[in-house]
């Protein structure tokens, strides 16, 4: 895998150490992240997002969603089957294995809710920037600021 040298960015941006560490962490996680279960991330508008995960074979009691420190963790754990007879598959295309999928969320992104519909887990997200951090217009005075 190609590595990206972020050294030129460190010279130009001051106070963005957190951003560079996030980029480096994402690069490391890309190598470790499993491909199961498949998912989509969709931007519904400027500040609303939706994650859709294909979790066929899981019910809502076997899924858990946790949010902590700008990270979203989705886990699926299949309950132990009480059926003692061994099943013999000719073809098994539906994976019924446990999974753990972690998403890194941006600042001020909160989880609105989640629903399970026809084997798809849908998680709604929204970015809510506090009023103090939103851009504001600064008025320019035309009078003489410095007076004797």
Protein backbone atom coordinates (compact mmCIF):
# COMPACT_ATOMS: atom_id res chain seq x y z
CA UNK A 1 0.00 0.00 0.00
CA UNK A 2 1.22 3.52 -0.75
CA UNK A 3 2.05 5.78 2.14
CA UNK A 4 1.38 9.46 2.05
CA UNK A 5 3.96 11.90 3.35
CA UNK A 6 2.20 14.60 5.37
CA UNK A 7 5.37 16.58 6.18
CA UNK A 8 4.56 19.51 3.84
CA UNK A 9 1.22 19.97 5.59
CA UNK A 10 2.90 20.23 8.99
CA UNK A 11 4.87 23.26 7.74
CA UNK A 12 1.77 25.11 6.49
CA UNK A 13 -0.86 24.38 9.11
CA UNK A 14 -0.50 25.40 12.72
CA UNK A 15 -2.59 23.73 15.39
CA UNK A 16 -3.80 20.90 13.16
CA UNK A 17 -1.84 18.11 14.89
CA UNK A 18 -5.13 16.37 15.65
CA UNK A 19 -6.02 16.29 11.93
CA UNK A 20 -2.73 14.74 10.89
CA UNK A 21 -2.97 12.08 13.60
CA UNK A 22 -6.51 11.24 12.41
CA UNK A 23 -5.26 10.85 8.82
CA UNK A 24 -2.43 8.60 9.93
CA UNK A 25 -4.82 6.51 12.08
CA UNK A 26 -7.23 6.16 9.14
CA UNK A 27 -4.38 4.98 6.95
CA UNK A 28 -3.43 2.33 9.53
CA UNK A 29 -7.06 1.24 10.06
CA UNK A 30 -7.63 0.84 6.31
CA UNK A 31 -5.24 -2.09 6.32
CA UNK A 32 -6.90 -3.83 9.30
CA UNK A 33 -10.58 -3.16 8.60
CA UNK A 34 -12.47 -6.27 7.47
CA UNK A 35 -14.81 -6.11 4.49
CA UNK A 36 -17.71 -7.83 6.28
CA UNK A 37 -20.47 -6.70 6.51
CA UNK A 38 -20.79 -4.52 3.41
CA UNK A 39 -22.01 -0.97 3.99
CA UNK A 40 -22.87 2.33 2.29
CA UNK A 41 -22.31 5.86 3.58
CA UNK A 42 -24.65 8.39 2.03
CA UNK A 43 -24.78 12.19 2.35
CA UNK A 44 -28.46 13.12 2.52
CA UNK A 45 -27.70 16.85 2.56
CA UNK A 46 -24.97 19.18 3.87
CA UNK A 47 -25.23 18.07 7.50
CA UNK A 48 -27.11 14.74 7.39
CA UNK A 49 -25.62 11.33 6.70
CA UNK A 50 -26.81 7.74 6.66
CA UNK A 51 -24.88 4.51 7.10
CA UNK A 52 -26.58 1.40 5.71
CA UNK A 53 -25.12 -2.01 6.62
CA UNK A 54 -26.18 -5.35 5.14
CA UNK A 55 -26.69 -7.55 8.22
CA UNK A 56 -28.69 -10.45 6.79
CA UNK A 57 -29.45 -13.12 9.37
CA UNK A 58 -29.10 -10.83 12.41
CA UNK A 59 -32.01 -9.62 14.50
CA UNK A 60 -32.07 -6.48 16.64
CA UNK A 61 -31.10 -8.34 19.84
CA UNK A 62 -27.89 -9.60 18.19
CA UNK A 63 -26.77 -6.10 17.12
CA UNK A 64 -25.33 -3.31 19.26
CA UNK A 65 -24.39 0.27 18.41
CA UNK A 66 -22.11 2.34 20.64
CA UNK A 67 -20.79 5.87 20.32
CA UNK A 68 -17.75 7.15 22.19
CA UNK A 69 -15.17 9.88 21.49
CA UNK A 70 -16.11 10.54 17.85
CA UNK A 71 -16.19 6.82 17.08
CA UNK A 72 -19.19 4.69 16.14
CA UNK A 73 -18.89 0.97 16.88
CA UNK A 74 -21.37 -1.51 15.39
CA UNK A 75 -21.19 -5.11 16.64
CA UNK A 76 -23.06 -8.20 15.58
CA UNK A 77 -22.92 -11.33 17.72
CA UNK A 78 -24.89 -14.38 16.68
CA UNK A 79 -26.61 -16.08 19.57
CA UNK A 80 -25.57 -19.68 20.15
CA UNK A 81 -28.07 -21.93 18.42
CA UNK A 82 -29.92 -24.38 20.63
CA UNK A 83 -30.30 -26.68 17.63
CA UNK A 84 -27.91 -29.62 18.16
CA UNK A 85 -28.34 -31.16 14.70
CA UNK A 86 -25.47 -30.45 12.33
CA UNK A 87 -26.55 -28.59 9.20
CA UNK A 88 -24.96 -29.64 5.94
CA UNK A 89 -24.75 -26.82 3.39
CA UNK A 90 -24.31 -27.43 -0.32
CA UNK A 91 -23.53 -23.70 -0.67
CA UNK A 92 -23.38 -21.19 2.19
CA UNK A 93 -23.41 -17.65 0.84
CA UNK A 94 -24.99 -15.98 3.87
CA UNK A 95 -22.27 -15.32 6.39
CA UNK A 96 -23.50 -15.82 9.93
CA UNK A 97 -20.33 -14.77 11.68
CA UNK A 98 -19.78 -12.19 14.36
CA UNK A 99 -18.49 -8.80 13.27
CA UNK A 100 -17.26 -5.51 14.62
CA UNK A 101 -17.17 -2.41 12.40
CA UNK A 102 -15.77 0.94 13.59
CA UNK A 103 -16.46 4.30 11.94
CA UNK A 104 -14.58 7.49 12.81
CA UNK A 105 -17.03 10.37 13.12
CA UNK A 106 -16.24 14.02 12.51
CA UNK A 107 -16.49 16.66 15.18
CA UNK A 108 -20.03 17.56 16.27
CA UNK A 109 -21.61 14.55 14.51
CA UNK A 110 -24.28 12.86 16.60
CA UNK A 111 -26.34 9.73 16.04
CA UNK A 112 -30.04 10.45 15.54
CA UNK A 113 -31.21 6.84 15.56
CA UNK A 114 -31.05 3.41 13.99
CA UNK A 115 -33.50 0.93 12.54
CA UNK A 116 -33.36 -2.60 11.18
CA UNK A 117 -35.41 -3.10 8.02
CA UNK A 118 -35.32 -6.17 5.73
CA UNK A 119 -31.79 -7.16 6.75
CA UNK A 120 -30.41 -3.62 6.48
CA UNK A 121 -29.24 -1.69 9.53
CA UNK A 122 -29.79 2.03 8.88
CA UNK A 123 -28.02 4.56 11.13
CA UNK A 124 -28.91 8.26 10.79
CA UNK A 125 -26.28 10.87 11.65
CA UNK A 126 -26.32 14.66 11.78
CA UNK A 127 -23.60 17.26 12.18
CA UNK A 128 -24.61 19.99 14.63
CA UNK A 129 -22.01 22.74 14.80
CA UNK A 130 -22.40 24.87 17.95
CA UNK A 131 -23.36 28.50 17.37
CA UNK A 132 -20.03 29.71 18.79
CA UNK A 133 -18.12 27.77 16.11
CA UNK A 134 -20.20 28.86 13.13
CA UNK A 135 -18.74 31.54 10.84
CA UNK A 136 -19.82 35.06 11.65
CA UNK A 137 -19.62 38.34 9.78
CA UNK A 138 -17.37 41.04 11.26
CA UNK A 139 -18.46 44.63 10.65
CA UNK A 140 -15.79 47.03 9.39
CA UNK A 141 -15.92 50.53 10.86
CA UNK A 142 -14.95 53.37 8.53
CA UNK A 143 -14.17 55.98 11.20
CA UNK A 144 -10.72 56.86 12.54
CA UNK A 145 -9.87 54.25 15.15
CA UNK A 146 -6.73 55.93 16.54
CA UNK A 147 -7.31 59.41 17.92
CA UNK A 148 -4.84 61.76 19.65
